[in-house]
């Protein structure tokens, strides 16, 4: 997945993300959320479609991503 940002950077497929700062109670992954908004939304949408690390996530469930089993190759900004 490719997203917009001020600099090139690669993130591990397990990188955490959150929509909390936008008032949406969705946080997935362990540790500090690091994905920028573009990759957060993209990863969340892929998960909702049953593709990648977020497959099978319930909105707001941090444990769901770990239970999903599938992992994308990575995310890139």
PDB file of N, CA and C in Angstrom:
ATOM      1  N   UNK A   1       0.857  -1.159   0.000  1.00  0.00           N
ATOM      2  CA  UNK A   1       0.000   0.000   0.000  1.00  0.00           C
ATOM      3  C   UNK A   1       0.908   1.229   0.000  1.00  0.00           C
ATOM      4  N   UNK A   2       0.516   2.232  -0.715  1.00  0.00           N
ATOM      5  CA  UNK A   2       1.278   3.471  -0.796  1.00  0.00           C
ATOM      6  C   UNK A   2       0.376   4.607  -0.364  1.00  0.00           C
ATOM      7  N   UNK A   3       0.909   5.524   0.447  1.00  0.00           N
ATOM      8  CA  UNK A   3       0.142   6.670   0.912  1.00  0.00           C
ATOM      9  C   UNK A   3       0.987   7.925   0.805  1.00  0.00           C
ATOM     10  N   UNK A   4       0.328   9.054   0.879  1.00  0.00           N
ATOM     11  CA  UNK A   4       1.025  10.331   0.785  1.00  0.00           C
ATOM     12  C   UNK A   4       1.667  10.724   2.101  1.00  0.00           C
ATOM     13  N   UNK A   5       2.746  11.469   2.003  1.00  0.00           N
ATOM     14  CA  UNK A   5       3.426  11.967   3.188  1.00  0.00           C
ATOM     15  C   UNK A   5       4.576  12.865   2.784  1.00  0.00           C
ATOM     16  N   UNK A   6       5.136  13.578   3.748  1.00  0.00           N
ATOM     17  CA  UNK A   6       6.210  14.527   3.433  1.00  0.00           C
ATOM     18  C   UNK A   6       7.559  13.873   3.130  1.00  0.00           C
ATOM     19  N   UNK A   7       7.727  12.577   3.461  1.00  0.00           N
ATOM     20  CA  UNK A   7       8.994  11.898   3.225  1.00  0.00           C
ATOM     21  C   UNK A   7       8.742  10.425   2.954  1.00  0.00           C
ATOM     22  N   UNK A   8       9.685   9.788   2.228  1.00  0.00           N
ATOM     23  CA  UNK A   8       9.596   8.346   1.998  1.00  0.00           C
ATOM     24  C   UNK A   8       9.917   7.615   3.290  1.00  0.00           C
ATOM     25  N   UNK A   9       9.138   6.582   3.562  1.00  0.00           N
ATOM     26  CA  UNK A   9       9.370   5.782   4.758  1.00  0.00           C
ATOM     27  C   UNK A   9       8.658   4.450   4.595  1.00  0.00           C
ATOM     28  N   UNK A  10       9.247   3.396   5.109  1.00  0.00           N
ATOM     29  CA  UNK A  10       8.608   2.086   5.114  1.00  0.00           C
ATOM     30  C   UNK A  10       8.224   1.742   6.539  1.00  0.00           C
ATOM     31  N   UNK A  11       7.069   1.075   6.685  1.00  0.00           N
ATOM     32  CA  UNK A  11       6.591   0.628   7.986  1.00  0.00           C
ATOM     33  C   UNK A  11       6.463  -0.887   7.954  1.00  0.00           C
ATOM     34  N   UNK A  12       6.723  -1.505   9.079  1.00  0.00           N
ATOM     35  CA  UNK A  12       6.523  -2.936   9.228  1.00  0.00           C
ATOM     36  C   UNK A  12       5.047  -3.251   9.085  1.00  0.00           C
ATOM     37  N   UNK A  13       4.728  -4.450   8.624  1.00  0.00           N
ATOM     38  CA  UNK A  13       3.333  -4.846   8.430  1.00  0.00           C
ATOM     39  C   UNK A  13       2.542  -4.828   9.730  1.00  0.00           C
ATOM     40  N   UNK A  14       3.204  -4.935  10.859  1.00  0.00           N
ATOM     41  CA  UNK A  14       2.528  -4.943  12.158  1.00  0.00           C
ATOM     42  C   UNK A  14       2.436  -3.552  12.777  1.00  0.00           C
ATOM     43  N   UNK A  15       2.790  -2.513  12.042  1.00  0.00           N
ATOM     44  CA  UNK A  15       2.771  -1.155  12.593  1.00  0.00           C
ATOM     45  C   UNK A  15       1.382  -0.800  13.117  1.00  0.00           C
ATOM     46  N   UNK A  16       1.352  -0.195  14.284  1.00  0.00           N
ATOM     47  CA  UNK A  16       0.083   0.174  14.917  1.00  0.00           C
ATOM     48  C   UNK A  16      -0.475   1.451  14.282  1.00  0.00           C
ATOM     49  N   UNK A  17      -1.787   1.552  14.366  1.00  0.00           N
ATOM     50  CA  UNK A  17      -2.441   2.763  13.883  1.00  0.00           C
ATOM     51  C   UNK A  17      -3.654   3.078  14.739  1.00  0.00           C
ATOM     52  N   UNK A  18      -4.090   4.319  14.660  1.00  0.00           N
ATOM     53  CA  UNK A  18      -5.239   4.754  15.443  1.00  0.00           C
ATOM     54  C   UNK A  18      -5.966   5.880  14.717  1.00  0.00           C
ATOM     55  N   UNK A  19      -7.277   5.897  14.881  1.00  0.00           N
ATOM     56  CA  UNK A  19      -8.083   7.012  14.383  1.00  0.00           C
ATOM     57  C   UNK A  19      -8.612   7.830  15.559  1.00  0.00           C
ATOM     58  N   UNK A  20      -8.096   7.555  16.748  1.00  0.00           N
ATOM     59  CA  UNK A  20      -8.542   8.220  17.965  1.00  0.00           C
ATOM     60  C   UNK A  20      -8.454   9.731  17.931  1.00  0.00           C
ATOM     61  N   UNK A  21      -7.406  10.277  17.345  1.00  0.00           N
ATOM     62  CA  UNK A  21      -7.263  11.737  17.312  1.00  0.00           C
ATOM     63  C   UNK A  21      -8.319  12.406  16.429  1.00  0.00           C
ATOM     64  N   UNK A  22      -9.032  11.596  15.644  1.00  0.00           N
ATOM     65  CA  UNK A  22     -10.100  12.112  14.800  1.00  0.00           C
ATOM     66  C   UNK A  22     -11.474  11.784  15.365  1.00  0.00           C
ATOM     67  N   UNK A  23     -11.496  11.285  16.614  1.00  0.00           N
ATOM     68  CA  UNK A  23     -12.757  10.993  17.283  1.00  0.00           C
ATOM     69  C   UNK A  23     -13.372   9.652  16.931  1.00  0.00           C
ATOM     70  N   UNK A  24     -12.598   8.793  16.258  1.00  0.00           N
ATOM     71  CA  UNK A  24     -13.088   7.466  15.877  1.00  0.00           C
ATOM     72  C   UNK A  24     -12.368   6.439  16.757  1.00  0.00           C
ATOM     73  N   UNK A  25     -13.112   5.629  17.509  1.00  0.00           N
ATOM     74  CA  UNK A  25     -12.480   4.703  18.451  1.00  0.00           C
ATOM     75  C   UNK A  25     -11.911   3.446  17.789  1.00  0.00           C
ATOM     76  N   UNK A  26     -10.961   3.628  16.874  1.00  0.00           N
ATOM     77  CA  UNK A  26     -10.327   2.501  16.200  1.00  0.00           C
ATOM     78  C   UNK A  26      -8.832   2.588  16.462  1.00  0.00           C
ATOM     79  N   UNK A  27      -8.292   1.584  17.155  1.00  0.00           N
ATOM     80  CA  UNK A  27      -6.861   1.460  17.396  1.00  0.00           C
ATOM     81  C   UNK A  27      -6.496   0.007  17.186  1.00  0.00           C
ATOM     82  N   UNK A  28      -5.512  -0.244  16.353  1.00  0.00           N
ATOM     83  CA  UNK A  28      -5.097  -1.615  16.069  1.00  0.00           C
ATOM     84  C   UNK A  28      -3.580  -1.694  16.120  1.00  0.00           C
ATOM     85  N   UNK A  29      -3.098  -2.769  16.658  1.00  0.00           N
ATOM     86  CA  UNK A  29      -1.665  -2.992  16.766  1.00  0.00           C
ATOM     87  C   UNK A  29      -1.189  -2.680  18.164  1.00  0.00           C
ATOM     88  N   UNK A  30      -0.003  -3.160  18.462  1.00  0.00           N
ATOM     89  CA  UNK A  30       0.577  -2.915  19.772  1.00  0.00           C
ATOM     90  C   UNK A  30       1.605  -1.810  19.678  1.00  0.00           C
ATOM     91  N   UNK A  31       1.748  -1.082  20.748  1.00  0.00           N
ATOM     92  CA  UNK A  31       2.712   0.003  20.775  1.00  0.00           C
ATOM     93  C   UNK A  31       2.098   1.309  20.306  1.00  0.00           C
ATOM     94  N   UNK A  32       2.949   2.283  20.167  1.00  0.00           N
ATOM     95  CA  UNK A  32       2.538   3.620  19.746  1.00  0.00           C
ATOM     96  C   UNK A  32       2.051   3.587  18.301  1.00  0.00           C
ATOM     97  N   UNK A  33       0.854   4.119  18.023  1.00  0.00           N
ATOM     98  CA  UNK A  33       0.397   4.202  16.630  1.00  0.00           C
ATOM     99  C   UNK A  33       1.344   5.093  15.825  1.00  0.00           C
ATOM    100  N   UNK A  34       1.855   4.573  14.723  1.00  0.00           N
ATOM    101  CA  UNK A  34       2.846   5.304  13.939  1.00  0.00           C
ATOM    102  C   UNK A  34       2.429   5.584  12.507  1.00  0.00           C
ATOM    103  N   UNK A  35       1.414   4.897  12.006  1.00  0.00           N
ATOM    104  CA  UNK A  35       1.049   5.110  10.608  1.00  0.00           C
ATOM    105  C   UNK A  35       0.397   6.469  10.404  1.00  0.00           C
ATOM    106  N   UNK A  36       0.743   7.156   9.308  1.00  0.00           N
ATOM    107  CA  UNK A  36       0.079   8.412   8.997  1.00  0.00           C
ATOM    108  C   UNK A  36      -1.375   8.146   8.590  1.00  0.00           C
ATOM    109  N   UNK A  37      -2.175   9.182   8.542  1.00  0.00           N
ATOM    110  CA  UNK A  37      -3.595   9.046   8.256  1.00  0.00           C
ATOM    111  C   UNK A  37      -3.862   8.290   6.950  1.00  0.00           C
ATOM    112  N   UNK A  38      -3.129   8.599   5.889  1.00  0.00           N
ATOM    113  CA  UNK A  38      -3.384   7.942   4.600  1.00  0.00           C
ATOM    114  C   UNK A  38      -3.232   6.431   4.705  1.00  0.00           C
ATOM    115  N   UNK A  39      -2.182   5.961   5.371  1.00  0.00           N
ATOM    116  CA  UNK A  39      -1.961   4.520   5.505  1.00  0.00           C
ATOM    117  C   UNK A  39      -2.889   3.907   6.550  1.00  0.00           C
ATOM    118  N   UNK A  40      -3.247   4.683   7.557  1.00  0.00           N
ATOM    119  CA  UNK A  40      -4.192   4.201   8.563  1.00  0.00           C
ATOM    120  C   UNK A  40      -5.531   3.883   7.912  1.00  0.00           C
ATOM    121  N   UNK A  41      -6.045   4.812   7.130  1.00  0.00           N
ATOM    122  CA  UNK A  41      -7.332   4.605   6.468  1.00  0.00           C
ATOM    123  C   UNK A  41      -7.225   3.462   5.455  1.00  0.00           C
ATOM    124  N   UNK A  42      -6.137   3.427   4.683  1.00  0.00           N
ATOM    125  CA  UNK A  42      -5.956   2.354   3.715  1.00  0.00           C
ATOM    126  C   UNK A  42      -5.892   0.993   4.373  1.00  0.00           C
ATOM    127  N   UNK A  43      -5.138   0.890   5.452  1.00  0.00           N
ATOM    128  CA  UNK A  43      -5.021  -0.390   6.145  1.00  0.00           C
ATOM    129  C   UNK A  43      -6.348  -0.792   6.779  1.00  0.00           C
ATOM    130  N   UNK A  44      -7.055   0.160   7.336  1.00  0.00           N
ATOM    131  CA  UNK A  44      -8.364  -0.122   7.940  1.00  0.00           C
ATOM    132  C   UNK A  44      -9.344  -0.622   6.873  1.00  0.00           C
ATOM    133  N   UNK A  45      -9.359   0.037   5.710  1.00  0.00           N
ATOM    134  CA  UNK A  45     -10.253  -0.380   4.625  1.00  0.00           C
ATOM    135  C   UNK A  45      -9.901  -1.774   4.118  1.00  0.00           C
ATOM    136  N   UNK A  46      -8.616  -2.070   3.970  1.00  0.00           N
ATOM    137  CA  UNK A  46      -8.212  -3.409   3.548  1.00  0.00           C
ATOM    138  C   UNK A  46      -8.656  -4.453   4.569  1.00  0.00           C
ATOM    139  N   UNK A  47      -8.527  -4.124   5.844  1.00  0.00           N
ATOM    140  CA  UNK A  47      -8.972  -5.029   6.891  1.00  0.00           C
ATOM    141  C   UNK A  47     -10.460  -5.277   6.834  1.00  0.00           C
ATOM    142  N   UNK A  48     -11.228  -4.224   6.581  1.00  0.00           N
ATOM    143  CA  UNK A  48     -12.684  -4.373   6.467  1.00  0.00           C
ATOM    144  C   UNK A  48     -13.065  -5.238   5.268  1.00  0.00           C
ATOM    145  N   UNK A  49     -12.194  -5.253   4.246  1.00  0.00           N
ATOM    146  CA  UNK A  49     -12.440  -6.068   3.059  1.00  0.00           C
ATOM    147  C   UNK A  49     -11.915  -7.489   3.232  1.00  0.00           C
ATOM    148  N   UNK A  50     -11.307  -7.770   4.394  1.00  0.00           N
ATOM    149  CA  UNK A  50     -10.786  -9.106   4.659  1.00  0.00           C
ATOM    150  C   UNK A  50      -9.411  -9.358   4.078  1.00  0.00           C
ATOM    151  N   UNK A  51      -8.663  -8.280   3.824  1.00  0.00           N
ATOM    152  CA  UNK A  51      -7.337  -8.388   3.221  1.00  0.00           C
ATOM    153  C   UNK A  51      -6.294  -7.878   4.201  1.00  0.00           C
ATOM    154  N   UNK A  52      -5.256  -8.645   4.452  1.00  0.00           N
ATOM    155  CA  UNK A  52      -4.124  -8.175   5.225  1.00  0.00           C
ATOM    156  C   UNK A  52      -4.250  -8.318   6.726  1.00  0.00           C
ATOM    157  N   UNK A  53      -3.377  -7.586   7.430  1.00  0.00           N
ATOM    158  CA  UNK A  53      -3.236  -7.702   8.881  1.00  0.00           C
ATOM    159  C   UNK A  53      -4.500  -7.363   9.621  1.00  0.00           C
ATOM    160  N   UNK A  54      -5.329  -6.487   9.073  1.00  0.00           N
ATOM    161  CA  UNK A  54      -6.533  -6.073   9.768  1.00  0.00           C
ATOM    162  C   UNK A  54      -7.754  -6.894   9.434  1.00  0.00           C
ATOM    163  N   UNK A  55      -7.596  -7.973   8.696  1.00  0.00           N
ATOM    164  CA  UNK A  55      -8.744  -8.777   8.283  1.00  0.00           C
ATOM    165  C   UNK A  55      -9.528  -9.258   9.488  1.00  0.00           C
ATOM    166  N   UNK A  56     -10.807  -9.030   9.457  1.00  0.00           N
ATOM    167  CA  UNK A  56     -11.674  -9.485  10.535  1.00  0.00           C
ATOM    168  C   UNK A  56     -11.735  -8.567  11.724  1.00  0.00           C
ATOM    169  N   UNK A  57     -11.140  -7.370  11.647  1.00  0.00           N
ATOM    170  CA  UNK A  57     -11.150  -6.445  12.774  1.00  0.00           C
ATOM    171  C   UNK A  57     -12.547  -5.933  13.059  1.00  0.00           C
ATOM    172  N   UNK A  58     -12.824  -5.773  14.312  1.00  0.00           N
ATOM    173  CA  UNK A  58     -14.030  -5.065  14.733  1.00  0.00           C
ATOM    174  C   UNK A  58     -13.602  -3.650  15.064  1.00  0.00           C
ATOM    175  N   UNK A  59     -14.403  -2.675  14.718  1.00  0.00           N
ATOM    176  CA  UNK A  59     -14.049  -1.287  15.004  1.00  0.00           C
ATOM    177  C   UNK A  59     -13.761  -1.127  16.479  1.00  0.00           C
ATOM    178  N   UNK A  60     -12.605  -0.527  16.783  1.00  0.00           N
ATOM    179  CA  UNK A  60     -12.245  -0.267  18.164  1.00  0.00           C
ATOM    180  C   UNK A  60     -11.556  -1.418  18.867  1.00  0.00           C
ATOM    181  N   UNK A  61     -11.306  -2.506  18.194  1.00  0.00           N
ATOM    182  CA  UNK A  61     -10.712  -3.671  18.852  1.00  0.00           C
ATOM    183  C   UNK A  61      -9.236  -3.770  18.540  1.00  0.00           C
ATOM    184  N   UNK A  62      -8.400  -3.575  19.544  1.00  0.00           N
ATOM    185  CA  UNK A  62      -6.960  -3.688  19.354  1.00  0.00           C
ATOM    186  C   UNK A  62      -6.532  -5.135  19.223  1.00  0.00           C
ATOM    187  N   UNK A  63      -7.239  -6.053  19.855  1.00  0.00           N
ATOM    188  CA  UNK A  63      -6.867  -7.463  19.822  1.00  0.00           C
ATOM    189  C   UNK A  63      -7.270  -8.128  18.512  1.00  0.00           C
ATOM    190  N   UNK A  64      -8.232  -7.579  17.813  1.00  0.00           N
ATOM    191  CA  UNK A  64      -8.736  -8.209  16.597  1.00  0.00           C
ATOM    192  C   UNK A  64      -7.661  -8.338  15.532  1.00  0.00           C
ATOM    193  N   UNK A  65      -6.808  -7.334  15.390  1.00  0.00           N
ATOM    194  CA  UNK A  65      -5.745  -7.396  14.394  1.00  0.00           C
ATOM    195  C   UNK A  65      -4.790  -8.540  14.658  1.00  0.00           C
ATOM    196  N   UNK A  66      -4.452  -8.775  15.917  1.00  0.00           N
ATOM    197  CA  UNK A  66      -3.559  -9.860  16.266  1.00  0.00           C
ATOM    198  C   UNK A  66      -4.221 -11.209  16.011  1.00  0.00           C
ATOM    199  N   UNK A  67      -5.521 -11.283  16.183  1.00  0.00           N
ATOM    200  CA  UNK A  67      -6.244 -12.532  15.999  1.00  0.00           C
ATOM    201  C   UNK A  67      -6.528 -12.838  14.536  1.00  0.00           C
ATOM    202  N   UNK A  68      -6.362 -11.842  13.662  1.00  0.00           N
ATOM    203  CA  UNK A  68      -6.740 -12.007  12.261  1.00  0.00           C
ATOM    204  C   UNK A  68      -5.864 -12.999  11.513  1.00  0.00           C
ATOM    205  N   UNK A  69      -4.580 -13.058  11.843  1.00  0.00           N
ATOM    206  CA  UNK A  69      -3.703 -14.044  11.230  1.00  0.00           C
ATOM    207  C   UNK A  69      -3.020 -13.588   9.964  1.00  0.00           C
ATOM    208  N   UNK A  70      -3.710 -12.978   9.001  1.00  0.00           N
ATOM    209  CA  UNK A  70      -3.098 -12.563   7.747  1.00  0.00           C
ATOM    210  C   UNK A  70      -2.207 -11.352   7.941  1.00  0.00           C
ATOM    211  N   UNK A  71      -1.116 -11.272   7.185  1.00  0.00           N
ATOM    212  CA  UNK A  71      -0.208 -10.134   7.270  1.00  0.00           C
ATOM    213  C   UNK A  71       0.152  -9.652   5.875  1.00  0.00           C
ATOM    214  N   UNK A  72       0.032  -8.356   5.629  1.00  0.00           N
ATOM    215  CA  UNK A  72       0.486  -7.838   4.338  1.00  0.00           C
ATOM    216  C   UNK A  72       2.014  -7.803   4.307  1.00  0.00           C
ATOM    217  N   UNK A  73       2.590  -7.648   3.145  1.00  0.00           N
ATOM    218  CA  UNK A  73       4.037  -7.592   3.029  1.00  0.00           C
ATOM    219  C   UNK A  73       4.588  -6.377   3.740  1.00  0.00           C
ATOM    220  N   UNK A  74       3.824  -5.312   3.832  1.00  0.00           N
ATOM    221  CA  UNK A  74       4.254  -4.093   4.497  1.00  0.00           C
ATOM    222  C   UNK A  74       3.478  -2.917   3.974  1.00  0.00           C
ATOM    223  N   UNK A  75       3.697  -1.812   4.580  1.00  0.00           N
ATOM    224  CA  UNK A  75       3.049  -0.584   4.121  1.00  0.00           C
ATOM    225  C   UNK A  75       4.133   0.442   3.892  1.00  0.00           C
ATOM    226  N   UNK A  76       3.949   1.257   2.906  1.00  0.00           N
ATOM    227  CA  UNK A  76       4.969   2.234   2.525  1.00  0.00           C
ATOM    228  C   UNK A  76       4.333   3.588   2.336  1.00  0.00           C
ATOM    229  N   UNK A  77       5.039   4.594   2.769  1.00  0.00           N
ATOM    230  CA  UNK A  77       4.574   5.969   2.589  1.00  0.00           C
ATOM    231  C   UNK A  77       5.586   6.669   1.737  1.00  0.00           C
TER     232      UNK A  77
END
